[in-house]
Amino acid sequence: MSTENSVVGGVSFDLENLNPGTMFEMEGGGQLWLRVCAGDDLRDIRKKTVQKKKEYKKIDGNLQRLTFEEVDDDLQSQLVWDFCIVKWEKFFADEAKTIPIPCTTENKLKLMGRSLIFSKFVGDSLTTLRGTIEAEEEAVEKN
């Protein structure tokens, strides 16, 4: 009996979108899709924002080479927030809810930088999402 065409159990992956984000409902009805930045994505951001530097100084009369990393913290934060915030729906720029706020990099950064409610919600939701991912990884390791 051939099982070539039959599938029993297993896991499927969308190879075009391995980290699509998880939806979180905000008070008032807005929805926000977030994802954790890790692995290759975090390495890519570090490559864009961290430079290795060398400096030579005399220490106790001897010339020493010191190496250190210089980090563009602002750019790193911008890239991480842009990555983690995938999309949103039902975000409005007026009380009448007639002017939708587009989910652009500029608007993501504006909300993260200037709205305590939004940035706290994003931070708390990402913490929850990380905990969920860690719990799932532990469950897989036990099996």
N, C-alpha and C. Protein backbone atom coordinates (compact mmCIF):
# COMPACT_ATOMS: atom_id res chain seq x y z
N MET A 1 0.85 -1.18 0.00
CA MET A 1 0.00 0.00 0.00
C MET A 1 0.89 1.23 0.00
N SER A 2 0.68 2.13 -0.93
CA SER A 2 1.49 3.34 -1.06
C SER A 2 0.88 4.47 -0.25
N THR A 3 1.74 5.20 0.46
CA THR A 3 1.27 6.36 1.23
C THR A 3 1.82 7.66 0.66
N GLU A 4 2.27 7.59 -0.61
CA GLU A 4 2.86 8.77 -1.24
C GLU A 4 1.91 9.96 -1.25
N ASN A 5 0.65 9.74 -1.56
CA ASN A 5 -0.30 10.83 -1.71
C ASN A 5 -1.16 11.05 -0.48
N SER A 6 -1.02 10.24 0.53
CA SER A 6 -1.83 10.46 1.73
C SER A 6 -0.95 11.08 2.81
N VAL A 7 -1.56 12.01 3.55
CA VAL A 7 -0.84 12.71 4.60
C VAL A 7 -1.51 12.39 5.93
N VAL A 8 -0.70 11.94 6.86
CA VAL A 8 -1.21 11.67 8.19
C VAL A 8 -0.37 12.49 9.17
N GLY A 9 -1.02 13.43 9.84
CA GLY A 9 -0.29 14.28 10.78
C GLY A 9 0.65 15.23 10.05
N GLY A 10 1.50 15.88 10.79
CA GLY A 10 2.49 16.77 10.18
C GLY A 10 2.22 18.23 10.50
N VAL A 11 3.08 19.04 9.98
CA VAL A 11 2.99 20.48 10.21
C VAL A 11 3.15 21.17 8.87
N SER A 12 2.38 22.23 8.63
CA SER A 12 2.53 22.96 7.37
C SER A 12 3.10 24.34 7.66
N PHE A 13 3.85 24.86 6.70
CA PHE A 13 4.46 26.17 6.81
C PHE A 13 4.20 26.95 5.52
N ASP A 14 3.88 28.22 5.65
CA ASP A 14 3.78 29.11 4.50
C ASP A 14 5.17 29.68 4.29
N LEU A 15 5.93 29.10 3.38
CA LEU A 15 7.32 29.50 3.17
C LEU A 15 7.46 30.93 2.66
N GLU A 16 6.40 31.51 2.13
CA GLU A 16 6.44 32.90 1.67
C GLU A 16 6.21 33.88 2.83
N ASN A 17 5.62 33.39 3.92
CA ASN A 17 5.31 34.27 5.06
C ASN A 17 5.40 33.45 6.35
N LEU A 18 6.62 33.23 6.82
CA LEU A 18 6.84 32.38 7.99
C LEU A 18 6.50 33.06 9.31
N ASN A 19 6.33 34.37 9.31
CA ASN A 19 6.03 35.11 10.54
C ASN A 19 4.95 36.15 10.24
N PRO A 20 3.69 35.69 10.02
CA PRO A 20 2.64 36.60 9.55
C PRO A 20 2.10 37.56 10.60
N GLY A 21 2.31 37.26 11.85
CA GLY A 21 1.77 38.11 12.91
C GLY A 21 0.54 37.50 13.55
N THR A 22 0.28 37.97 14.75
CA THR A 22 -0.85 37.51 15.55
C THR A 22 -1.73 38.71 15.85
N MET A 23 -3.04 38.55 15.73
CA MET A 23 -3.97 39.66 15.93
C MET A 23 -4.26 39.87 17.42
N PHE A 24 -4.20 41.15 17.82
CA PHE A 24 -4.57 41.56 19.17
C PHE A 24 -5.65 42.62 19.05
N GLU A 25 -6.68 42.49 19.87
CA GLU A 25 -7.80 43.42 19.86
C GLU A 25 -7.55 44.53 20.88
N MET A 26 -7.61 45.77 20.41
CA MET A 26 -7.45 46.92 21.30
C MET A 26 -8.82 47.34 21.82
N GLU A 27 -8.81 47.97 22.97
CA GLU A 27 -10.05 48.51 23.53
C GLU A 27 -10.60 49.52 22.53
N GLY A 28 -11.88 49.44 22.25
CA GLY A 28 -12.49 50.33 21.26
C GLY A 28 -12.69 49.65 19.92
N GLY A 29 -12.11 48.46 19.73
CA GLY A 29 -12.37 47.69 18.53
C GLY A 29 -11.29 47.65 17.48
N GLY A 30 -10.21 48.42 17.64
CA GLY A 30 -9.13 48.36 16.67
C GLY A 30 -8.37 47.04 16.80
N GLN A 31 -7.88 46.55 15.68
CA GLN A 31 -7.11 45.31 15.67
C GLN A 31 -5.70 45.59 15.20
N LEU A 32 -4.77 44.93 15.86
CA LEU A 32 -3.36 45.14 15.59
C LEU A 32 -2.68 43.79 15.44
N TRP A 33 -1.95 43.60 14.34
CA TRP A 33 -1.21 42.36 14.10
C TRP A 33 0.26 42.60 14.45
N LEU A 34 0.78 41.77 15.34
CA LEU A 34 2.16 41.90 15.81
C LEU A 34 2.91 40.59 15.60
N ARG A 35 4.23 40.73 15.48
CA ARG A 35 5.09 39.55 15.41
C ARG A 35 6.38 39.84 16.16
N VAL A 36 6.98 38.79 16.65
CA VAL A 36 8.23 38.90 17.39
C VAL A 36 9.39 38.96 16.40
N CYS A 37 10.33 39.82 16.67
CA CYS A 37 11.52 39.96 15.83
C CYS A 37 12.64 39.12 16.45
N ALA A 38 13.04 38.09 15.74
CA ALA A 38 14.09 37.20 16.25
C ALA A 38 14.79 36.54 15.08
N GLY A 39 15.82 35.79 15.39
CA GLY A 39 16.52 35.00 14.38
C GLY A 39 17.10 35.83 13.26
N ASP A 40 16.85 35.40 12.03
CA ASP A 40 17.41 36.06 10.84
C ASP A 40 16.96 37.51 10.73
N ASP A 41 15.71 37.79 11.10
CA ASP A 41 15.19 39.15 10.99
C ASP A 41 15.95 40.10 11.92
N LEU A 42 16.21 39.65 13.13
CA LEU A 42 16.95 40.47 14.10
C LEU A 42 18.40 40.64 13.65
N ARG A 43 18.99 39.58 13.10
CA ARG A 43 20.36 39.69 12.57
C ARG A 43 20.44 40.70 11.44
N ASP A 44 19.44 40.71 10.57
CA ASP A 44 19.42 41.68 9.46
C ASP A 44 19.35 43.11 10.00
N ILE A 45 18.55 43.33 11.02
CA ILE A 45 18.45 44.67 11.61
C ILE A 45 19.77 45.05 12.26
N ARG A 46 20.40 44.12 12.96
CA ARG A 46 21.70 44.42 13.59
C ARG A 46 22.75 44.77 12.54
N LYS A 47 22.74 44.08 11.39
CA LYS A 47 23.70 44.38 10.33
C LYS A 47 23.54 45.81 9.84
N LYS A 48 22.31 46.29 9.81
CA LYS A 48 22.03 47.64 9.32
C LYS A 48 22.33 48.72 10.37
N THR A 49 22.39 48.34 11.64
CA THR A 49 22.45 49.36 12.69
C THR A 49 23.68 49.28 13.59
N VAL A 50 24.52 48.27 13.43
CA VAL A 50 25.69 48.11 14.29
C VAL A 50 26.95 48.13 13.43
N GLN A 51 27.89 48.97 13.84
CA GLN A 51 29.19 49.02 13.16
C GLN A 51 30.27 48.67 14.16
N LYS A 52 31.18 47.82 13.72
CA LYS A 52 32.34 47.50 14.55
C LYS A 52 33.38 48.58 14.33
N LYS A 53 33.90 49.11 15.42
CA LYS A 53 34.89 50.19 15.35
C LYS A 53 36.17 49.74 16.04
N LYS A 54 37.28 50.31 15.58
CA LYS A 54 38.58 50.06 16.21
C LYS A 54 39.17 51.40 16.62
N GLU A 55 39.83 51.37 17.74
CA GLU A 55 40.48 52.57 18.24
C GLU A 55 41.81 52.16 18.86
N TYR A 56 42.80 52.97 18.65
CA TYR A 56 44.12 52.68 19.22
C TYR A 56 44.42 53.70 20.31
N LYS A 57 44.81 53.22 21.48
CA LYS A 57 45.13 54.09 22.61
C LYS A 57 46.38 53.57 23.31
N LYS A 58 47.08 54.50 23.89
CA LYS A 58 48.22 54.09 24.71
C LYS A 58 47.72 53.80 26.12
N ILE A 59 48.03 52.62 26.56
CA ILE A 59 47.69 52.21 27.92
C ILE A 59 48.96 51.71 28.56
N ASP A 60 49.35 52.35 29.65
CA ASP A 60 50.60 52.02 30.36
C ASP A 60 51.79 52.07 29.40
N GLY A 61 51.77 53.03 28.50
CA GLY A 61 52.89 53.22 27.58
C GLY A 61 52.88 52.30 26.37
N ASN A 62 51.93 51.37 26.30
CA ASN A 62 51.83 50.44 25.18
C ASN A 62 50.62 50.79 24.32
N LEU A 63 50.80 50.72 23.03
CA LEU A 63 49.70 50.98 22.11
C LEU A 63 48.78 49.75 22.10
N GLN A 64 47.50 49.98 22.39
CA GLN A 64 46.51 48.90 22.45
C GLN A 64 45.42 49.15 21.42
N ARG A 65 44.98 48.07 20.80
CA ARG A 65 43.84 48.17 19.88
C ARG A 65 42.58 47.81 20.64
N LEU A 66 41.64 48.72 20.66
CA LEU A 66 40.35 48.48 21.32
C LEU A 66 39.29 48.33 20.23
N THR A 67 38.46 47.33 20.34
CA THR A 67 37.36 47.16 19.40
C THR A 67 36.05 47.31 20.17
N PHE A 68 35.09 47.93 19.53
CA PHE A 68 33.79 48.13 20.17
C PHE A 68 32.73 48.26 19.08
N GLU A 69 31.49 48.19 19.49
CA GLU A 69 30.38 48.32 18.56
C GLU A 69 29.72 49.68 18.75
N GLU A 70 29.42 50.32 17.65
CA GLU A 70 28.67 51.57 17.67
C GLU A 70 27.28 51.26 17.12
N VAL A 71 26.26 51.53 17.93
CA VAL A 71 24.90 51.16 17.57
C VAL A 71 24.09 52.42 17.28
N ASP A 72 23.39 52.42 16.15
CA ASP A 72 22.44 53.49 15.85
C ASP A 72 21.12 53.09 16.49
N ASP A 73 20.95 53.47 17.76
CA ASP A 73 19.78 53.05 18.53
C ASP A 73 18.46 53.52 17.92
N ASP A 74 18.45 54.75 17.40
CA ASP A 74 17.22 55.27 16.81
C ASP A 74 16.79 54.44 15.59
N LEU A 75 17.73 54.18 14.70
CA LEU A 75 17.42 53.39 13.51
C LEU A 75 17.03 51.96 13.91
N GLN A 76 17.71 51.40 14.90
CA GLN A 76 17.39 50.04 15.34
C GLN A 76 15.96 49.98 15.87
N SER A 77 15.57 50.94 16.69
CA SER A 77 14.19 50.98 17.21
C SER A 77 13.19 51.11 16.07
N GLN A 78 13.48 51.99 15.11
CA GLN A 78 12.58 52.20 13.99
C GLN A 78 12.39 50.91 13.19
N LEU A 79 13.49 50.22 12.91
CA LEU A 79 13.41 48.98 12.13
C LEU A 79 12.69 47.87 12.89
N VAL A 80 12.94 47.78 14.19
CA VAL A 80 12.27 46.74 15.00
C VAL A 80 10.77 47.01 15.06
N TRP A 81 10.37 48.26 15.34
CA TRP A 81 8.93 48.55 15.44
C TRP A 81 8.25 48.36 14.09
N ASP A 82 8.92 48.76 13.02
CA ASP A 82 8.34 48.58 11.69
C ASP A 82 8.14 47.10 11.40
N PHE A 83 9.09 46.27 11.83
CA PHE A 83 8.98 44.83 11.62
C PHE A 83 7.88 44.22 12.50
N CYS A 84 7.88 44.56 13.79
CA CYS A 84 6.96 43.92 14.75
C CYS A 84 5.50 44.28 14.50
N ILE A 85 5.24 45.51 14.07
CA ILE A 85 3.87 45.94 13.80
C ILE A 85 3.58 45.61 12.33
N VAL A 86 2.82 44.56 12.11
CA VAL A 86 2.57 44.06 10.76
C VAL A 86 1.50 44.90 10.06
N LYS A 87 0.36 45.08 10.72
CA LYS A 87 -0.74 45.85 10.14
C LYS A 87 -1.74 46.18 11.24
N TRP A 88 -2.68 47.05 10.90
CA TRP A 88 -3.79 47.33 11.80
C TRP A 88 -5.04 47.60 11.00
N GLU A 89 -6.16 47.48 11.69
CA GLU A 89 -7.46 47.80 11.12
C GLU A 89 -8.26 48.56 12.16
N LYS A 90 -9.13 49.43 11.67
CA LYS A 90 -10.03 50.23 12.51
C LYS A 90 -9.27 51.18 13.41
N PHE A 91 -8.23 51.83 12.88
CA PHE A 91 -7.51 52.91 13.55
C PHE A 91 -7.93 54.20 12.84
N PHE A 92 -8.41 55.18 13.61
CA PHE A 92 -8.94 56.40 13.02
C PHE A 92 -8.29 57.63 13.60
N ALA A 93 -8.24 58.69 12.79
CA ALA A 93 -7.61 59.95 13.18
C ALA A 93 -8.64 60.98 13.66
N ASP A 94 -9.89 60.56 13.84
CA ASP A 94 -10.92 61.49 14.30
C ASP A 94 -11.94 60.75 15.16
N GLU A 95 -12.64 61.51 15.99
CA GLU A 95 -13.65 60.90 16.89
C GLU A 95 -14.81 60.27 16.12
N ALA A 96 -15.16 60.83 14.96
CA ALA A 96 -16.27 60.31 14.18
C ALA A 96 -15.91 59.01 13.46
N LYS A 97 -14.64 58.64 13.51
CA LYS A 97 -14.14 57.41 12.89
C LYS A 97 -14.41 57.38 11.38
N THR A 98 -14.10 58.51 10.74
CA THR A 98 -14.27 58.61 9.30
C THR A 98 -12.93 58.72 8.56
N ILE A 99 -11.85 59.01 9.30
CA ILE A 99 -10.54 59.17 8.67
C ILE A 99 -9.63 58.03 9.15
N PRO A 100 -9.50 56.98 8.34
CA PRO A 100 -8.64 55.86 8.76
C PRO A 100 -7.16 56.27 8.76
N ILE A 101 -6.42 55.70 9.70
CA ILE A 101 -4.97 55.92 9.78
C ILE A 101 -4.31 54.78 9.01
N PRO A 102 -3.61 55.09 7.91
CA PRO A 102 -2.94 54.02 7.18
C PRO A 102 -1.77 53.44 7.99
N CYS A 103 -1.55 52.16 7.82
CA CYS A 103 -0.47 51.48 8.54
C CYS A 103 0.82 51.65 7.75
N THR A 104 1.47 52.80 7.95
CA THR A 104 2.73 53.09 7.29
C THR A 104 3.84 53.09 8.33
N THR A 105 5.07 53.01 7.86
CA THR A 105 6.21 53.08 8.78
C THR A 105 6.15 54.38 9.58
N GLU A 106 5.87 55.48 8.91
CA GLU A 106 5.80 56.78 9.58
C GLU A 106 4.75 56.79 10.69
N ASN A 107 3.57 56.24 10.42
CA ASN A 107 2.52 56.22 11.43
C ASN A 107 2.82 55.25 12.56
N LYS A 108 3.46 54.12 12.25
CA LYS A 108 3.86 53.19 13.30
C LYS A 108 4.80 53.88 14.28
N LEU A 109 5.81 54.58 13.73
CA LEU A 109 6.80 55.24 14.57
C LEU A 109 6.20 56.41 15.34
N LYS A 110 5.28 57.13 14.72
CA LYS A 110 4.62 58.24 15.41
C LYS A 110 3.82 57.73 16.61
N LEU A 111 3.05 56.66 16.40
CA LEU A 111 2.26 56.10 17.50
C LEU A 111 3.15 55.52 18.60
N MET A 112 4.22 54.82 18.20
CA MET A 112 5.13 54.25 19.21
C MET A 112 5.83 55.35 20.00
N GLY A 113 6.16 56.45 19.34
CA GLY A 113 6.92 57.51 20.00
C GLY A 113 6.09 58.50 20.77
N ARG A 114 4.80 58.61 20.42
CA ARG A 114 4.01 59.69 21.02
C ARG A 114 2.74 59.25 21.72
N SER A 115 2.36 58.01 21.59
CA SER A 115 1.13 57.54 22.23
C SER A 115 1.48 56.51 23.30
N LEU A 116 1.35 56.90 24.55
CA LEU A 116 1.64 55.99 25.65
C LEU A 116 0.69 54.79 25.62
N ILE A 117 -0.57 55.02 25.29
CA ILE A 117 -1.54 53.93 25.23
C ILE A 117 -1.12 52.90 24.18
N PHE A 118 -0.77 53.38 22.98
CA PHE A 118 -0.39 52.49 21.90
C PHE A 118 0.90 51.75 22.23
N SER A 119 1.94 52.48 22.66
CA SER A 119 3.24 51.83 22.91
C SER A 119 3.14 50.83 24.05
N LYS A 120 2.35 51.13 25.08
CA LYS A 120 2.17 50.18 26.19
C LYS A 120 1.43 48.93 25.70
N PHE A 121 0.41 49.14 24.89
CA PHE A 121 -0.33 47.99 24.35
C PHE A 121 0.58 47.11 23.51
N VAL A 122 1.39 47.71 22.64
CA VAL A 122 2.31 46.95 21.79
C VAL A 122 3.30 46.18 22.66
N GLY A 123 3.90 46.87 23.64
CA GLY A 123 4.88 46.22 24.53
C GLY A 123 4.28 45.05 25.29
N ASP A 124 3.10 45.27 25.88
CA ASP A 124 2.43 44.20 26.64
C ASP A 124 2.04 43.03 25.73
N SER A 125 1.56 43.35 24.54
CA SER A 125 1.14 42.29 23.61
C SER A 125 2.32 41.47 23.12
N LEU A 126 3.45 42.14 22.85
CA LEU A 126 4.65 41.40 22.42
C LEU A 126 5.17 40.51 23.54
N THR A 127 5.06 40.98 24.78
CA THR A 127 5.47 40.15 25.93
C THR A 127 4.58 38.91 26.00
N THR A 128 3.29 39.09 25.82
CA THR A 128 2.35 37.96 25.81
C THR A 128 2.68 37.00 24.67
N LEU A 129 2.95 37.56 23.49
CA LEU A 129 3.25 36.73 22.32
C LEU A 129 4.54 35.94 22.53
N ARG A 130 5.57 36.57 23.09
CA ARG A 130 6.82 35.85 23.38
C ARG A 130 6.57 34.70 24.34
N GLY A 131 5.76 34.94 25.38
CA GLY A 131 5.44 33.88 26.34
C GLY A 131 4.72 32.72 25.69
N THR A 132 3.80 33.03 24.78
CA THR A 132 3.06 31.99 24.07
C THR A 132 4.01 31.17 23.20
N ILE A 133 4.90 31.85 22.49
CA ILE A 133 5.86 31.16 21.61
C ILE A 133 6.77 30.27 22.44
N GLU A 134 7.27 30.78 23.57
CA GLU A 134 8.15 29.97 24.43
C GLU A 134 7.42 28.75 24.96
N ALA A 135 6.15 28.91 25.35
CA ALA A 135 5.37 27.78 25.86
C ALA A 135 5.17 26.73 24.77
N GLU A 136 4.92 27.19 23.52
CA GLU A 136 4.75 26.25 22.41
C GLU A 136 6.06 25.50 22.13
N GLU A 137 7.19 26.22 22.20
CA GLU A 137 8.48 25.57 21.97
C GLU A 137 8.77 24.52 23.05
N GLU A 138 8.43 24.82 24.30
CA GLU A 138 8.62 23.85 25.39
C GLU A 138 7.76 22.63 25.17
N ALA A 139 6.53 22.82 24.72
CA ALA A 139 5.63 21.70 24.48
C ALA A 139 6.17 20.81 23.35
N VAL A 140 6.72 21.43 22.31
CA VAL A 140 7.29 20.66 21.21
C VAL A 140 8.48 19.86 21.69
N GLU A 141 9.35 20.48 22.52
CA GLU A 141 10.54 19.80 23.02
C GLU A 141 10.18 18.60 23.90
N LYS A 142 9.09 18.68 24.64
CA LYS A 142 8.67 17.58 25.51
C LYS A 142 8.15 16.40 24.73
N ASN A 143 7.60 16.66 23.55
CA ASN A 143 7.03 15.57 22.74
C ASN A 143 8.03 14.89 21.91
